[in-house]
mmCIF file of all heavy atoms, coordinates in Angstrom:
data_MODEL
# 
_entry.id   MODEL 
# 
loop_
_atom_site.group_PDB 
_atom_site.id 
_atom_site.type_symbol 
_atom_site.label_atom_id 
_atom_site.label_alt_id 
_atom_site.label_comp_id 
_atom_site.label_asym_id 
_atom_site.label_entity_id 
_atom_site.label_seq_id 
_atom_site.pdbx_PDB_ins_code 
_atom_site.Cartn_x 
_atom_site.Cartn_y 
_atom_site.Cartn_z 
_atom_site.occupancy 
_atom_site.B_iso_or_equiv 
_atom_site.pdbx_formal_charge 
_atom_site.auth_seq_id 
_atom_site.auth_comp_id 
_atom_site.auth_asym_id 
_atom_site.auth_atom_id 
_atom_site.pdbx_PDB_model_num 
ATOM 1   N N   . GLY A 1 1  ? 11.794 12.340 -7.782  1.00 0.00 ? 1  GLY A N   1 
ATOM 2   C CA  . GLY A 1 1  ? 11.730 12.311 -6.321  1.00 0.00 ? 1  GLY A CA  1 
ATOM 3   C C   . GLY A 1 1  ? 10.394 12.778 -5.871  1.00 0.00 ? 1  GLY A C   1 
ATOM 4   O O   . GLY A 1 1  ? 9.664  13.418 -6.575  1.00 0.00 ? 1  GLY A O   1 
ATOM 5   N N   . ASP A 1 2  ? 10.046 12.363 -4.656  1.00 0.00 ? 2  ASP A N   1 
ATOM 6   C CA  . ASP A 1 2  ? 8.731  12.752 -4.087  1.00 0.00 ? 2  ASP A CA  1 
ATOM 7   C C   . ASP A 1 2  ? 8.610  12.459 -2.641  1.00 0.00 ? 2  ASP A C   1 
ATOM 8   O O   . ASP A 1 2  ? 9.552  11.889 -2.039  1.00 0.00 ? 2  ASP A O   1 
ATOM 9   C CB  . ASP A 1 2  ? 7.655  11.943 -4.878  1.00 0.00 ? 2  ASP A CB  1 
ATOM 10  C CG  . ASP A 1 2  ? 6.374  12.768 -5.133  1.00 0.00 ? 2  ASP A CG  1 
ATOM 11  O OD1 . ASP A 1 2  ? 6.194  13.791 -4.443  1.00 0.00 ? 2  ASP A OD1 1 
ATOM 12  O OD2 . ASP A 1 2  ? 5.586  12.395 -5.998  1.00 0.00 ? 2  ASP A OD2 1 
ATOM 13  N N   . ASN A 1 3  ? 7.472  12.839 -2.075  1.00 0.00 ? 3  ASN A N   1 
ATOM 14  C CA  . ASN A 1 3  ? 7.179  12.537 -0.675  1.00 0.00 ? 3  ASN A CA  1 
ATOM 15  C C   . ASN A 1 3  ? 5.781  11.913 -0.638  1.00 0.00 ? 3  ASN A C   1 
ATOM 16  O O   . ASN A 1 3  ? 4.964  12.290 -1.475  1.00 0.00 ? 3  ASN A O   1 
ATOM 17  C CB  . ASN A 1 3  ? 7.201  13.794 0.181   1.00 0.00 ? 3  ASN A CB  1 
ATOM 18  C CG  . ASN A 1 3  ? 8.550  14.398 0.221   1.00 0.00 ? 3  ASN A CG  1 
ATOM 19  O OD1 . ASN A 1 3  ? 9.534  13.772 0.699   1.00 0.00 ? 3  ASN A OD1 1 
ATOM 20  N ND2 . ASN A 1 3  ? 8.680  15.618 -0.299  1.00 0.00 ? 3  ASN A ND2 1 
ATOM 21  N N   . GLY A 1 4  ? 5.507  11.026 0.298   1.00 0.00 ? 4  GLY A N   1 
ATOM 22  C CA  . GLY A 1 4  ? 4.241  10.428 0.426   1.00 0.00 ? 4  GLY A CA  1 
ATOM 23  C C   . GLY A 1 4  ? 4.095  9.735  1.779   1.00 0.00 ? 4  GLY A C   1 
ATOM 24  O O   . GLY A 1 4  ? 4.849  10.100 2.706   1.00 0.00 ? 4  GLY A O   1 
ATOM 25  N N   . VAL A 1 5  ? 3.213  8.744  1.845   1.00 0.00 ? 5  VAL A N   1 
ATOM 26  C CA  . VAL A 1 5  ? 2.956  7.988  3.060   1.00 0.00 ? 5  VAL A CA  1 
ATOM 27  C C   . VAL A 1 5  ? 2.933  6.504  2.666   1.00 0.00 ? 5  VAL A C   1 
ATOM 28  O O   . VAL A 1 5  ? 2.592  6.140  1.538   1.00 0.00 ? 5  VAL A O   1 
ATOM 29  C CB  . VAL A 1 5  ? 1.722  8.433  3.819   1.00 0.00 ? 5  VAL A CB  1 
ATOM 30  C CG1 . VAL A 1 5  ? 1.840  9.807  4.399   1.00 0.00 ? 5  VAL A CG1 1 
ATOM 31  C CG2 . VAL A 1 5  ? 0.492  8.270  3.008   1.00 0.00 ? 5  VAL A CG2 1 
ATOM 32  N N   . VAL A 1 6  ? 3.274  5.679  3.653   1.00 0.00 ? 6  VAL A N   1 
ATOM 33  C CA  . VAL A 1 6  ? 3.242  4.263  3.438   1.00 0.00 ? 6  VAL A CA  1 
ATOM 34  C C   . VAL A 1 6  ? 2.781  3.571  4.736   1.00 0.00 ? 6  VAL A C   1 
ATOM 35  O O   . VAL A 1 6  ? 3.138  4.071  5.822   1.00 0.00 ? 6  VAL A O   1 
ATOM 36  C CB  . VAL A 1 6  ? 4.592  3.697  2.954   1.00 0.00 ? 6  VAL A CB  1 
ATOM 37  C CG1 . VAL A 1 6  ? 5.693  3.970  3.953   1.00 0.00 ? 6  VAL A CG1 1 
ATOM 38  C CG2 . VAL A 1 6  ? 4.579  2.265  2.639   1.00 0.00 ? 6  VAL A CG2 1 
ATOM 39  N N   . VAL A 1 7  ? 2.062  2.551  4.619   1.00 0.00 ? 7  VAL A N   1 
ATOM 40  C CA  . VAL A 1 7  ? 1.606  1.675  5.765   1.00 0.00 ? 7  VAL A CA  1 
ATOM 41  C C   . VAL A 1 7  ? 2.364  0.371  5.635   1.00 0.00 ? 7  VAL A C   1 
ATOM 42  O O   . VAL A 1 7  ? 2.238  -0.354 4.621   1.00 0.00 ? 7  VAL A O   1 
ATOM 43  C CB  . VAL A 1 7  ? 0.117  1.499  5.822   1.00 0.00 ? 7  VAL A CB  1 
ATOM 44  C CG1 . VAL A 1 7  ? -0.251 0.469  6.903   1.00 0.00 ? 7  VAL A CG1 1 
ATOM 45  C CG2 . VAL A 1 7  ? -0.641 2.798  6.055   1.00 0.00 ? 7  VAL A CG2 1 
ATOM 46  N N   . LEU A 1 8  ? 3.081  -0.006 6.706   1.00 0.00 ? 8  LEU A N   1 
ATOM 47  C CA  . LEU A 1 8  ? 3.757  -1.348 6.750   1.00 0.00 ? 8  LEU A CA  1 
ATOM 48  C C   . LEU A 1 8  ? 2.967  -2.179 7.764   1.00 0.00 ? 8  LEU A C   1 
ATOM 49  O O   . LEU A 1 8  ? 2.753  -1.647 8.911   1.00 0.00 ? 8  LEU A O   1 
ATOM 50  C CB  . LEU A 1 8  ? 5.217  -1.198 7.192   1.00 0.00 ? 8  LEU A CB  1 
ATOM 51  C CG  . LEU A 1 8  ? 6.094  -0.380 6.268   1.00 0.00 ? 8  LEU A CG  1 
ATOM 52  C CD1 . LEU A 1 8  ? 7.506  -0.339 6.856   1.00 0.00 ? 8  LEU A CD1 1 
ATOM 53  C CD2 . LEU A 1 8  ? 6.095  -0.824 4.870   1.00 0.00 ? 8  LEU A CD2 1 
ATOM 54  N N   . ARG A 1 9  ? 2.578  -3.364 7.413   1.00 0.00 ? 9  ARG A N   1 
ATOM 55  C CA  . ARG A 1 9  ? 1.792  -4.194 8.327   1.00 0.00 ? 9  ARG A CA  1 
ATOM 56  C C   . ARG A 1 9  ? 2.068  -5.673 7.980   1.00 0.00 ? 9  ARG A C   1 
ATOM 57  O O   . ARG A 1 9  ? 1.672  -6.120 6.958   1.00 0.00 ? 9  ARG A O   1 
ATOM 58  C CB  . ARG A 1 9  ? 0.307  -3.863 8.236   1.00 0.00 ? 9  ARG A CB  1 
ATOM 59  C CG  . ARG A 1 9  ? -0.463 -4.702 9.287   1.00 0.00 ? 9  ARG A CG  1 
ATOM 60  C CD  . ARG A 1 9  ? -1.871 -4.220 9.545   1.00 0.00 ? 9  ARG A CD  1 
ATOM 61  N NE  . ARG A 1 9  ? -1.823 -2.942 10.250  1.00 0.00 ? 9  ARG A NE  1 
ATOM 62  C CZ  . ARG A 1 9  ? -2.317 -1.814 9.767   1.00 0.00 ? 9  ARG A CZ  1 
ATOM 63  N NH1 . ARG A 1 9  ? -2.890 -1.771 8.565   1.00 0.00 ? 9  ARG A NH1 1 
ATOM 64  N NH2 . ARG A 1 9  ? -2.314 -0.687 10.508  1.00 0.00 ? 9  ARG A NH2 1 
ATOM 65  N N   . ASP A 1 10 ? 2.732  -6.327 8.901   1.00 0.00 ? 10 ASP A N   1 
ATOM 66  C CA  . ASP A 1 10 ? 2.909  -7.807 8.825   1.00 0.00 ? 10 ASP A CA  1 
ATOM 67  C C   . ASP A 1 10 ? 3.321  -8.329 7.462   1.00 0.00 ? 10 ASP A C   1 
ATOM 68  O O   . ASP A 1 10 ? 2.781  -9.239 6.888   1.00 0.00 ? 10 ASP A O   1 
ATOM 69  C CB  . ASP A 1 10 ? 1.590  -8.490 9.247   1.00 0.00 ? 10 ASP A CB  1 
ATOM 70  C CG  . ASP A 1 10 ? 1.213  -8.147 10.665  1.00 0.00 ? 10 ASP A CG  1 
ATOM 71  O OD1 . ASP A 1 10 ? 2.073  -7.912 11.506  1.00 0.00 ? 10 ASP A OD1 1 
ATOM 72  O OD2 . ASP A 1 10 ? -0.008 -8.127 10.968  1.00 0.00 ? 10 ASP A OD2 1 
ATOM 73  N N   . GLY A 1 11 ? 4.328  -7.609 6.856   1.00 0.00 ? 11 GLY A N   1 
ATOM 74  C CA  . GLY A 1 11 ? 4.848  -8.088 5.607   1.00 0.00 ? 11 GLY A CA  1 
ATOM 75  C C   . GLY A 1 11 ? 4.196  -7.450 4.387   1.00 0.00 ? 11 GLY A C   1 
ATOM 76  O O   . GLY A 1 11 ? 4.562  -7.815 3.246   1.00 0.00 ? 11 GLY A O   1 
ATOM 77  N N   . THR A 1 12 ? 3.246  -6.564 4.585   1.00 0.00 ? 12 THR A N   1 
ATOM 78  C CA  . THR A 1 12 ? 2.613  -5.941 3.405   1.00 0.00 ? 12 THR A CA  1 
ATOM 79  C C   . THR A 1 12 ? 2.894  -4.437 3.361   1.00 0.00 ? 12 THR A C   1 
ATOM 80  O O   . THR A 1 12 ? 3.059  -3.786 4.413   1.00 0.00 ? 12 THR A O   1 
ATOM 81  C CB  . THR A 1 12 ? 1.066  -6.112 3.380   1.00 0.00 ? 12 THR A CB  1 
ATOM 82  O OG1 . THR A 1 12 ? 0.506  -5.460 4.523   1.00 0.00 ? 12 THR A OG1 1 
ATOM 83  C CG2 . THR A 1 12 ? 0.706  -7.605 3.302   1.00 0.00 ? 12 THR A CG2 1 
ATOM 84  N N   . ILE A 1 13 ? 2.947  -3.864 2.192   1.00 0.00 ? 13 ILE A N   1 
ATOM 85  C CA  . ILE A 1 13 ? 3.246  -2.418 1.996   1.00 0.00 ? 13 ILE A CA  1 
ATOM 86  C C   . ILE A 1 13 ? 2.040  -1.849 1.146   1.00 0.00 ? 13 ILE A C   1 
ATOM 87  O O   . ILE A 1 13 ? 1.636  -2.451 0.147   1.00 0.00 ? 13 ILE A O   1 
ATOM 88  C CB  . ILE A 1 13 ? 4.516  -2.226 1.152   1.00 0.00 ? 13 ILE A CB  1 
ATOM 89  C CG1 . ILE A 1 13 ? 5.698  -2.835 1.885   1.00 0.00 ? 13 ILE A CG1 1 
ATOM 90  C CG2 . ILE A 1 13 ? 4.737  -0.758 0.865   1.00 0.00 ? 13 ILE A CG2 1 
ATOM 91  C CD1 . ILE A 1 13 ? 6.966  -2.832 0.994   1.00 0.00 ? 13 ILE A CD1 1 
ATOM 92  N N   . ARG A 1 14 ? 1.529  -0.732 1.638   1.00 0.00 ? 14 ARG A N   1 
ATOM 93  C CA  . ARG A 1 14 ? 0.477  0.002  0.869   1.00 0.00 ? 14 ARG A CA  1 
ATOM 94  C C   . ARG A 1 14 ? 0.809  1.487  1.074   1.00 0.00 ? 14 ARG A C   1 
ATOM 95  O O   . ARG A 1 14 ? 1.111  1.949  2.148   1.00 0.00 ? 14 ARG A O   1 
ATOM 96  C CB  . ARG A 1 14 ? -0.896 -0.221 1.482   1.00 0.00 ? 14 ARG A CB  1 
ATOM 97  C CG  . ARG A 1 14 ? -1.308 -1.678 1.582   1.00 0.00 ? 14 ARG A CG  1 
ATOM 98  C CD  . ARG A 1 14 ? -1.674 -2.181 0.143   1.00 0.00 ? 14 ARG A CD  1 
ATOM 99  N NE  . ARG A 1 14 ? -2.250 -3.550 0.206   1.00 0.00 ? 14 ARG A NE  1 
ATOM 100 C CZ  . ARG A 1 14 ? -1.512 -4.656 -0.003  1.00 0.00 ? 14 ARG A CZ  1 
ATOM 101 N NH1 . ARG A 1 14 ? -0.225 -4.549 -0.225  1.00 0.00 ? 14 ARG A NH1 1 
ATOM 102 N NH2 . ARG A 1 14 ? -2.083 -5.819 0.027   1.00 0.00 ? 14 ARG A NH2 1 
ATOM 103 N N   . GLY A 1 15 ? 0.783  2.249  -0.008  1.00 0.00 ? 15 GLY A N   1 
ATOM 104 C CA  . GLY A 1 15 ? 1.074  3.662  0.091   1.00 0.00 ? 15 GLY A CA  1 
ATOM 105 C C   . GLY A 1 15 ? 0.911  4.402  -1.188  1.00 0.00 ? 15 GLY A C   1 
ATOM 106 O O   . GLY A 1 15 ? 0.420  3.903  -2.184  1.00 0.00 ? 15 GLY A O   1 
ATOM 107 N N   . GLY A 1 16 ? 1.345  5.703  -1.107  1.00 0.00 ? 16 GLY A N   1 
ATOM 108 C CA  . GLY A 1 16 ? 1.299  6.524  -2.289  1.00 0.00 ? 16 GLY A CA  1 
ATOM 109 C C   . GLY A 1 16 ? 1.652  7.924  -2.096  1.00 0.00 ? 16 GLY A C   1 
ATOM 110 O O   . GLY A 1 16 ? 2.116  8.315  -0.991  1.00 0.00 ? 16 GLY A O   1 
ATOM 111 N N   . ASP A 1 17 ? 1.504  8.783  -3.160  1.00 0.00 ? 17 ASP A N   1 
ATOM 112 C CA  . ASP A 1 17 ? 1.799  10.131 -3.099  1.00 0.00 ? 17 ASP A CA  1 
ATOM 113 C C   . ASP A 1 17 ? 0.719  10.857 -3.930  1.00 0.00 ? 17 ASP A C   1 
ATOM 114 O O   . ASP A 1 17 ? -0.293 10.313 -4.247  1.00 0.00 ? 17 ASP A O   1 
ATOM 115 C CB  . ASP A 1 17 ? 3.222  10.501 -3.545  1.00 0.00 ? 17 ASP A CB  1 
ATOM 116 C CG  . ASP A 1 17 ? 3.535  10.053 -5.019  1.00 0.00 ? 17 ASP A CG  1 
ATOM 117 O OD1 . ASP A 1 17 ? 2.618  9.963  -5.761  1.00 0.00 ? 17 ASP A OD1 1 
ATOM 118 O OD2 . ASP A 1 17 ? 4.750  9.842  -5.280  1.00 0.00 ? 17 ASP A OD2 1 
ATOM 119 N N   . SER A 1 18 ? 1.056  12.062 -4.398  1.00 0.00 ? 18 SER A N   1 
ATOM 120 C CA  . SER A 1 18 ? 0.073  12.818 -5.190  1.00 0.00 ? 18 SER A CA  1 
ATOM 121 C C   . SER A 1 18 ? -0.260 12.224 -6.570  1.00 0.00 ? 18 SER A C   1 
ATOM 122 O O   . SER A 1 18 ? -1.365 12.507 -7.040  1.00 0.00 ? 18 SER A O   1 
ATOM 123 C CB  . SER A 1 18 ? 0.670  14.239 -5.485  1.00 0.00 ? 18 SER A CB  1 
ATOM 124 O OG  . SER A 1 18 ? 0.906  14.895 -4.280  1.00 0.00 ? 18 SER A OG  1 
ATOM 125 N N   . PHE A 1 19 ? 0.582  11.396 -7.118  1.00 0.00 ? 19 PHE A N   1 
ATOM 126 C CA  . PHE A 1 19 ? 0.350  10.802 -8.436  1.00 0.00 ? 19 PHE A CA  1 
ATOM 127 C C   . PHE A 1 19 ? 0.301  9.283  -8.528  1.00 0.00 ? 19 PHE A C   1 
ATOM 128 O O   . PHE A 1 19 ? -0.257 8.760  -9.396  1.00 0.00 ? 19 PHE A O   1 
ATOM 129 C CB  . PHE A 1 19 ? 1.427  11.330 -9.433  1.00 0.00 ? 19 PHE A CB  1 
ATOM 130 C CG  . PHE A 1 19 ? 1.406  12.892 -9.523  1.00 0.00 ? 19 PHE A CG  1 
ATOM 131 C CD1 . PHE A 1 19 ? 2.325  13.604 -8.852  1.00 0.00 ? 19 PHE A CD1 1 
ATOM 132 C CD2 . PHE A 1 19 ? 0.446  13.509 -10.335 1.00 0.00 ? 19 PHE A CD2 1 
ATOM 133 C CE1 . PHE A 1 19 ? 2.307  15.038 -9.003  1.00 0.00 ? 19 PHE A CE1 1 
ATOM 134 C CE2 . PHE A 1 19 ? 0.442  14.837 -10.435 1.00 0.00 ? 19 PHE A CE2 1 
ATOM 135 C CZ  . PHE A 1 19 ? 1.406  15.626 -9.781  1.00 0.00 ? 19 PHE A CZ  1 
ATOM 136 N N   . PHE A 1 20 ? 1.002  8.649  -7.583  1.00 0.00 ? 20 PHE A N   1 
ATOM 137 C CA  . PHE A 1 20 ? 1.220  7.207  -7.704  1.00 0.00 ? 20 PHE A CA  1 
ATOM 138 C C   . PHE A 1 20 ? 0.780  6.473  -6.473  1.00 0.00 ? 20 PHE A C   1 
ATOM 139 O O   . PHE A 1 20 ? 0.808  7.013  -5.371  1.00 0.00 ? 20 PHE A O   1 
ATOM 140 C CB  . PHE A 1 20 ? 2.682  6.864  -7.905  1.00 0.00 ? 20 PHE A CB  1 
ATOM 141 C CG  . PHE A 1 20 ? 3.213  7.536  -9.155  1.00 0.00 ? 20 PHE A CG  1 
ATOM 142 C CD1 . PHE A 1 20 ? 3.850  8.751  -9.069  1.00 0.00 ? 20 PHE A CD1 1 
ATOM 143 C CD2 . PHE A 1 20 ? 3.116  6.927  -10.389 1.00 0.00 ? 20 PHE A CD2 1 
ATOM 144 C CE1 . PHE A 1 20 ? 4.361  9.389  -10.170 1.00 0.00 ? 20 PHE A CE1 1 
ATOM 145 C CE2 . PHE A 1 20 ? 3.612  7.511  -11.558 1.00 0.00 ? 20 PHE A CE2 1 
ATOM 146 C CZ  . PHE A 1 20 ? 4.215  8.793  -11.445 1.00 0.00 ? 20 PHE A CZ  1 
ATOM 147 N N   . TYR A 1 21 ? 0.361  5.227  -6.622  1.00 0.00 ? 21 TYR A N   1 
ATOM 148 C CA  . TYR A 1 21 ? 0.068  4.318  -5.479  1.00 0.00 ? 21 TYR A CA  1 
ATOM 149 C C   . TYR A 1 21 ? 0.963  3.124  -5.640  1.00 0.00 ? 21 TYR A C   1 
ATOM 150 O O   . TYR A 1 21 ? 1.390  2.828  -6.776  1.00 0.00 ? 21 TYR A O   1 
ATOM 151 C CB  . TYR A 1 21 ? -1.369 3.983  -5.300  1.00 0.00 ? 21 TYR A CB  1 
ATOM 152 C CG  . TYR A 1 21 ? -1.882 3.077  -6.371  1.00 0.00 ? 21 TYR A CG  1 
ATOM 153 C CD1 . TYR A 1 21 ? -1.853 1.667  -6.203  1.00 0.00 ? 21 TYR A CD1 1 
ATOM 154 C CD2 . TYR A 1 21 ? -2.416 3.557  -7.591  1.00 0.00 ? 21 TYR A CD2 1 
ATOM 155 C CE1 . TYR A 1 21 ? -2.335 0.806  -7.183  1.00 0.00 ? 21 TYR A CE1 1 
ATOM 156 C CE2 . TYR A 1 21 ? -2.889 2.736  -8.556  1.00 0.00 ? 21 TYR A CE2 1 
ATOM 157 C CZ  . TYR A 1 21 ? -2.893 1.338  -8.359  1.00 0.00 ? 21 TYR A CZ  1 
ATOM 158 O OH  . TYR A 1 21 ? -3.296 0.469  -9.325  1.00 0.00 ? 21 TYR A OH  1 
ATOM 159 N N   . PHE A 1 22 ? 1.220  2.457  -4.562  1.00 0.00 ? 22 PHE A N   1 
ATOM 160 C CA  . PHE A 1 22 ? 1.950  1.224  -4.684  1.00 0.00 ? 22 PHE A CA  1 
ATOM 161 C C   . PHE A 1 22 ? 1.526  0.188  -3.635  1.00 0.00 ? 22 PHE A C   1 
ATOM 162 O O   . PHE A 1 22 ? 1.017  0.528  -2.572  1.00 0.00 ? 22 PHE A O   1 
ATOM 163 C CB  . PHE A 1 22 ? 3.529  1.488  -4.576  1.00 0.00 ? 22 PHE A CB  1 
ATOM 164 C CG  . PHE A 1 22 ? 3.910  2.313  -3.414  1.00 0.00 ? 22 PHE A CG  1 
ATOM 165 C CD1 . PHE A 1 22 ? 4.164  1.732  -2.188  1.00 0.00 ? 22 PHE A CD1 1 
ATOM 166 C CD2 . PHE A 1 22 ? 4.002  3.681  -3.533  1.00 0.00 ? 22 PHE A CD2 1 
ATOM 167 C CE1 . PHE A 1 22 ? 4.560  2.532  -1.069  1.00 0.00 ? 22 PHE A CE1 1 
ATOM 168 C CE2 . PHE A 1 22 ? 4.370  4.484  -2.467  1.00 0.00 ? 22 PHE A CE2 1 
ATOM 169 C CZ  . PHE A 1 22 ? 4.647  3.896  -1.244  1.00 0.00 ? 22 PHE A CZ  1 
ATOM 170 N N   . VAL A 1 23 ? 1.737  -1.052 -4.017  1.00 0.00 ? 23 VAL A N   1 
ATOM 171 C CA  . VAL A 1 23 ? 1.396  -2.181 -3.123  1.00 0.00 ? 23 VAL A CA  1 
ATOM 172 C C   . VAL A 1 23 ? 2.536  -3.169 -3.257  1.00 0.00 ? 23 VAL A C   1 
ATOM 173 O O   . VAL A 1 23 ? 3.137  -3.334 -4.319  1.00 0.00 ? 23 VAL A O   1 
ATOM 174 C CB  . VAL A 1 23 ? 0.040  -2.850 -3.523  1.00 0.00 ? 23 VAL A CB  1 
ATOM 175 C CG1 . VAL A 1 23 ? -1.118 -1.883 -3.330  1.00 0.00 ? 23 VAL A CG1 1 
ATOM 176 C CG2 . VAL A 1 23 ? 0.035  -3.361 -4.979  1.00 0.00 ? 23 VAL A CG2 1 
ATOM 177 N N   . GLY A 1 24 ? 2.783  -3.934 -2.161  1.00 0.00 ? 24 GLY A N   1 
ATOM 178 C CA  . GLY A 1 24 ? 3.828  -4.941 -2.242  1.00 0.00 ? 24 GLY A CA  1 
ATOM 179 C C   . GLY A 1 24 ? 4.001  -5.670 -0.960  1.00 0.00 ? 24 GLY A C   1 
ATOM 180 O O   . GLY A 1 24 ? 3.117  -5.711 -0.099  1.00 0.00 ? 24 GLY A O   1 
ATOM 181 N N   . SER A 1 25 ? 5.175  -6.337 -0.834  1.00 0.00 ? 25 SER A N   1 
ATOM 182 C CA  . SER A 1 25 ? 5.432  -7.169 0.365   1.00 0.00 ? 25 SER A CA  1 
ATOM 183 C C   . SER A 1 25 ? 6.930  -7.002 0.727   1.00 0.00 ? 25 SER A C   1 
ATOM 184 O O   . SER A 1 25 ? 7.735  -6.575 -0.108  1.00 0.00 ? 25 SER A O   1 
ATOM 185 C CB  . SER A 1 25 ? 5.122  -8.598 0.053   1.00 0.00 ? 25 SER A CB  1 
ATOM 186 O OG  . SER A 1 25 ? 5.897  -9.087 -0.994  1.00 0.00 ? 25 SER A OG  1 
ATOM 187 N N   . TYR A 1 26 ? 7.252  -7.353 1.941   1.00 0.00 ? 26 TYR A N   1 
ATOM 188 C CA  . TYR A 1 26 ? 8.651  -7.309 2.484   1.00 0.00 ? 26 TYR A CA  1 
ATOM 189 C C   . TYR A 1 26 ? 8.858  -8.387 3.454   1.00 0.00 ? 26 TYR A C   1 
ATOM 190 O O   . TYR A 1 26 ? 7.926  -8.980 4.003   1.00 0.00 ? 26 TYR A O   1 
ATOM 191 C CB  . TYR A 1 26 ? 8.920  -5.907 3.088   1.00 0.00 ? 26 TYR A CB  1 
ATOM 192 C CG  . TYR A 1 26 ? 8.046  -5.635 4.304   1.00 0.00 ? 26 TYR A CG  1 
ATOM 193 C CD1 . TYR A 1 26 ? 8.541  -5.992 5.589   1.00 0.00 ? 26 TYR A CD1 1 
ATOM 194 C CD2 . TYR A 1 26 ? 6.844  -5.015 4.198   1.00 0.00 ? 26 TYR A CD2 1 
ATOM 195 C CE1 . TYR A 1 26 ? 7.775  -5.733 6.688   1.00 0.00 ? 26 TYR A CE1 1 
ATOM 196 C CE2 . TYR A 1 26 ? 6.072  -4.752 5.282   1.00 0.00 ? 26 TYR A CE2 1 
ATOM 197 C CZ  . TYR A 1 26 ? 6.558  -5.100 6.562   1.00 0.00 ? 26 TYR A CZ  1 
ATOM 198 O OH  . TYR A 1 26 ? 5.767  -4.868 7.667   1.00 0.00 ? 26 TYR A OH  1 
# 
């Protein structure tokens, strides 16, 4: 489990926390 931040913009996802980053789409 963890906490972090994420940016949602026009179908794209970008975010992360202290150890991991992630990218994707929705």
